[in-house]
N, C-alpha and C. Protein backbone atom coordinates (compact mmCIF):
# COMPACT_ATOMS: atom_id res chain seq x y z
N MET A 1 -77.63 17.70 -39.33
CA MET A 1 -76.21 17.56 -38.67
C MET A 1 -76.53 17.42 -37.25
N VAL A 2 -77.47 18.11 -36.34
CA VAL A 2 -77.05 17.97 -35.51
C VAL A 2 -77.37 16.58 -34.73
N ASN A 3 -78.38 15.37 -35.50
CA ASN A 3 -78.73 13.82 -34.94
C ASN A 3 -77.13 13.08 -35.43
N LEU A 4 -76.88 13.67 -36.26
CA LEU A 4 -75.57 12.97 -36.94
C LEU A 4 -74.13 13.44 -35.89
N GLU A 5 -74.31 14.40 -35.33
CA GLU A 5 -73.57 15.00 -34.20
C GLU A 5 -73.55 14.30 -33.38
N GLY A 6 -74.50 14.11 -32.63
CA GLY A 6 -74.67 13.75 -31.86
C GLY A 6 -74.41 11.85 -32.00
N GLN A 7 -74.40 11.66 -32.86
CA GLN A 7 -73.54 10.13 -33.22
C GLN A 7 -72.46 9.99 -33.15
N GLY A 8 -71.99 11.26 -33.01
CA GLY A 8 -69.78 11.35 -33.15
C GLY A 8 -69.71 11.39 -34.30
N VAL A 9 -70.51 11.77 -34.92
CA VAL A 9 -70.58 12.20 -36.69
C VAL A 9 -70.00 13.36 -36.67
N PRO A 10 -68.96 14.30 -36.76
CA PRO A 10 -68.66 15.48 -36.52
C PRO A 10 -68.61 16.01 -38.49
N GLY A 11 -69.43 16.84 -38.56
CA GLY A 11 -69.90 17.50 -39.93
C GLY A 11 -69.88 19.55 -39.71
N VAL A 12 -69.72 20.56 -40.69
CA VAL A 12 -69.80 21.19 -40.86
C VAL A 12 -70.65 21.61 -41.58
N PHE A 13 -71.70 22.58 -41.64
CA PHE A 13 -72.84 23.11 -42.23
C PHE A 13 -72.54 24.13 -43.33
N ILE A 14 -72.55 24.25 -44.23
CA ILE A 14 -72.13 24.78 -45.54
C ILE A 14 -73.03 25.92 -46.15
N ALA A 15 -72.99 26.70 -46.29
CA ALA A 15 -74.18 27.65 -47.04
C ALA A 15 -73.33 29.07 -47.54
N SER A 16 -74.48 29.14 -48.54
CA SER A 16 -74.29 30.71 -49.28
C SER A 16 -74.57 31.82 -48.11
N ASP A 17 -73.45 32.85 -48.08
CA ASP A 17 -73.11 33.90 -47.08
C ASP A 17 -74.68 34.80 -46.62
N VAL A 18 -75.34 34.74 -48.02
CA VAL A 18 -76.45 35.93 -47.64
C VAL A 18 -77.76 34.59 -46.68
N PHE A 19 -77.30 33.44 -46.76
CA PHE A 19 -77.94 33.02 -45.23
C PHE A 19 -78.23 32.18 -44.39
N GLU A 20 -76.29 33.22 -43.92
CA GLU A 20 -75.73 33.36 -42.30
C GLU A 20 -77.31 33.94 -41.43
N ASP A 21 -77.40 34.80 -41.27
CA ASP A 21 -78.03 35.64 -40.94
C ASP A 21 -79.61 34.25 -40.43
N GLY A 22 -80.06 34.15 -41.49
CA GLY A 22 -81.62 33.32 -40.89
C GLY A 22 -80.57 31.68 -40.28
N ALA A 23 -79.72 31.35 -41.09
CA ALA A 23 -79.14 29.77 -40.28
C ALA A 23 -78.91 30.01 -38.69
N ILE A 24 -77.87 31.33 -38.70
CA ILE A 24 -77.88 31.17 -36.73
C ILE A 24 -79.26 31.21 -36.53
N ARG A 25 -80.29 31.70 -36.47
CA ARG A 25 -81.37 32.09 -36.07
C ARG A 25 -82.30 30.59 -35.80
N GLN A 26 -82.24 29.95 -37.28
CA GLN A 26 -82.82 28.99 -37.25
C GLN A 26 -81.71 27.62 -36.05
N ALA A 27 -80.47 27.82 -36.19
CA ALA A 27 -79.48 26.61 -35.12
C ALA A 27 -79.84 27.40 -33.29
N THR A 28 -80.18 28.52 -33.43
CA THR A 28 -80.49 29.26 -31.89
C THR A 28 -82.02 28.99 -31.65
N ALA A 29 -82.93 28.91 -32.80
CA ALA A 29 -83.96 28.42 -32.02
C ALA A 29 -84.04 26.61 -32.03
N LEU A 30 -83.39 26.04 -32.14
CA LEU A 30 -83.57 24.52 -32.45
C LEU A 30 -82.48 24.28 -31.33
N GLY A 31 -81.77 25.10 -30.87
CA GLY A 31 -80.67 24.92 -30.06
C GLY A 31 -79.27 24.26 -30.30
N ALA A 32 -79.10 24.45 -31.00
CA ALA A 32 -77.34 24.06 -31.67
C ALA A 32 -77.00 25.14 -31.96
N ASP A 33 -75.77 24.45 -31.90
CA ASP A 33 -74.75 25.89 -32.74
C ASP A 33 -73.51 24.90 -33.41
N PRO A 34 -73.87 24.75 -34.64
CA PRO A 34 -73.48 23.73 -35.22
C PRO A 34 -71.97 24.72 -36.35
N ALA A 35 -70.74 23.84 -36.23
CA ALA A 35 -70.00 24.86 -37.09
C ALA A 35 -70.50 24.55 -38.43
N ALA A 36 -69.85 25.82 -38.53
CA ALA A 36 -70.94 26.45 -39.82
C ALA A 36 -69.67 26.66 -40.84
N VAL A 37 -69.27 27.25 -42.29
CA VAL A 37 -68.25 27.94 -43.18
C VAL A 37 -70.08 28.50 -44.68
N TYR A 38 -69.40 30.09 -44.55
CA TYR A 38 -70.10 30.56 -45.21
C TYR A 38 -68.97 31.08 -46.33
N ILE A 39 -70.36 30.51 -47.85
CA ILE A 39 -69.15 30.77 -49.06
C ILE A 39 -70.04 31.90 -49.53
N PRO A 40 -69.44 32.52 -50.64
CA PRO A 40 -70.22 33.57 -51.05
C PRO A 40 -70.83 33.55 -52.37
N HIS A 41 -71.67 34.75 -52.11
CA HIS A 41 -73.00 33.99 -52.45
C HIS A 41 -73.34 35.40 -53.94
N PRO A 42 -73.50 34.62 -55.42
CA PRO A 42 -74.71 33.42 -55.50
C PRO A 42 -74.00 32.20 -56.10
N ILE A 43 -75.02 31.34 -55.95
CA ILE A 43 -73.72 29.66 -56.59
C ILE A 43 -74.32 29.69 -58.34
N GLN A 44 -76.08 29.74 -58.32
CA GLN A 44 -76.02 28.37 -59.02
C GLN A 44 -76.02 28.78 -60.27
N ASP A 45 -75.18 30.55 -60.59
CA ASP A 45 -74.52 30.60 -61.70
C ASP A 45 -72.58 30.62 -62.30
N ARG A 46 -72.42 30.17 -61.22
CA ARG A 46 -71.26 29.93 -61.51
C ARG A 46 -70.71 28.45 -61.94
N SER A 47 -69.39 28.80 -63.19
CA SER A 47 -69.25 28.03 -63.64
C SER A 47 -68.34 26.26 -62.82
N ASP A 48 -68.59 25.64 -63.24
CA ASP A 48 -67.26 24.48 -62.54
C ASP A 48 -66.16 24.86 -62.07
N ASP A 49 -65.46 25.87 -62.88
CA ASP A 49 -64.02 25.90 -62.92
C ASP A 49 -64.06 27.02 -61.46
N GLU A 50 -65.61 27.60 -61.02
CA GLU A 50 -66.03 28.60 -60.28
C GLU A 50 -65.88 27.83 -58.46
N MET A 51 -67.14 27.17 -59.12
CA MET A 51 -67.30 26.46 -58.33
C MET A 51 -65.97 25.68 -57.56
N VAL A 52 -65.19 25.44 -58.57
CA VAL A 52 -63.94 24.50 -58.05
C VAL A 52 -63.04 25.51 -56.62
N ALA A 53 -62.95 26.71 -57.52
CA ALA A 53 -62.34 28.04 -56.86
C ALA A 53 -62.90 27.82 -55.09
N LEU A 54 -64.28 28.05 -55.29
CA LEU A 54 -64.70 27.67 -54.15
C LEU A 54 -64.47 27.07 -52.72
N ALA A 55 -64.60 25.86 -53.81
CA ALA A 55 -63.89 24.78 -52.61
C ALA A 55 -62.81 24.96 -51.84
N ASP A 56 -61.75 25.54 -53.29
CA ASP A 56 -60.20 25.25 -52.76
C ASP A 56 -60.06 26.43 -51.75
N ALA A 57 -61.05 27.27 -51.67
CA ALA A 57 -60.93 28.69 -50.67
C ALA A 57 -61.34 28.28 -49.45
N ALA A 58 -62.40 28.08 -49.32
CA ALA A 58 -63.03 27.26 -48.20
C ALA A 58 -62.22 25.99 -47.52
N PHE A 59 -61.33 25.16 -48.51
CA PHE A 59 -61.74 23.72 -47.77
C PHE A 59 -61.10 23.94 -46.50
N GLY A 60 -59.83 24.97 -46.08
CA GLY A 60 -58.91 25.39 -44.98
C GLY A 60 -60.19 25.44 -44.45
N GLU A 61 -61.27 26.01 -44.15
CA GLU A 61 -61.75 26.52 -43.03
C GLU A 61 -62.81 25.65 -41.84
N ILE A 62 -62.92 24.51 -43.73
CA ILE A 62 -63.76 23.71 -43.31
C ILE A 62 -63.07 22.59 -41.84
N VAL A 63 -62.03 22.53 -43.02
CA VAL A 63 -61.49 21.94 -42.26
C VAL A 63 -60.36 22.15 -40.65
N ASP A 64 -60.14 22.73 -40.60
CA ASP A 64 -60.37 23.89 -39.51
C ASP A 64 -61.06 23.81 -38.01
N ARG A 65 -63.33 23.67 -38.94
CA ARG A 65 -63.84 23.22 -38.04
C ARG A 65 -64.20 21.93 -37.68
N LEU A 66 -63.61 21.45 -38.77
CA LEU A 66 -64.01 19.66 -38.41
C LEU A 66 -63.66 19.02 -37.27
N ILE A 67 -62.04 19.61 -37.09
CA ILE A 67 -61.25 19.08 -36.18
C ILE A 67 -61.77 20.01 -35.04
N ALA A 68 -61.80 21.43 -34.86
CA ALA A 68 -62.44 22.24 -33.69
C ALA A 68 -63.66 21.11 -33.16
N ASN A 69 -64.24 20.46 -33.63
CA ASN A 69 -65.19 19.85 -33.29
C ASN A 69 -64.54 18.74 -32.46
């Protein structure tokens, strides 16, 4: 994502909320500050309908972060 943003391609990092602390530490270690949206964990056992609901719930925040970049 850092490489793409360096080329002018905006992006948003999306991950489960249990990985937020680790993602922030990794980004800091890399000297990066990516736009990020964290969604409720777990992901792997959710039905298709539940995944669509998660995506719908996060969509506005993802777009807001893209625009803010």
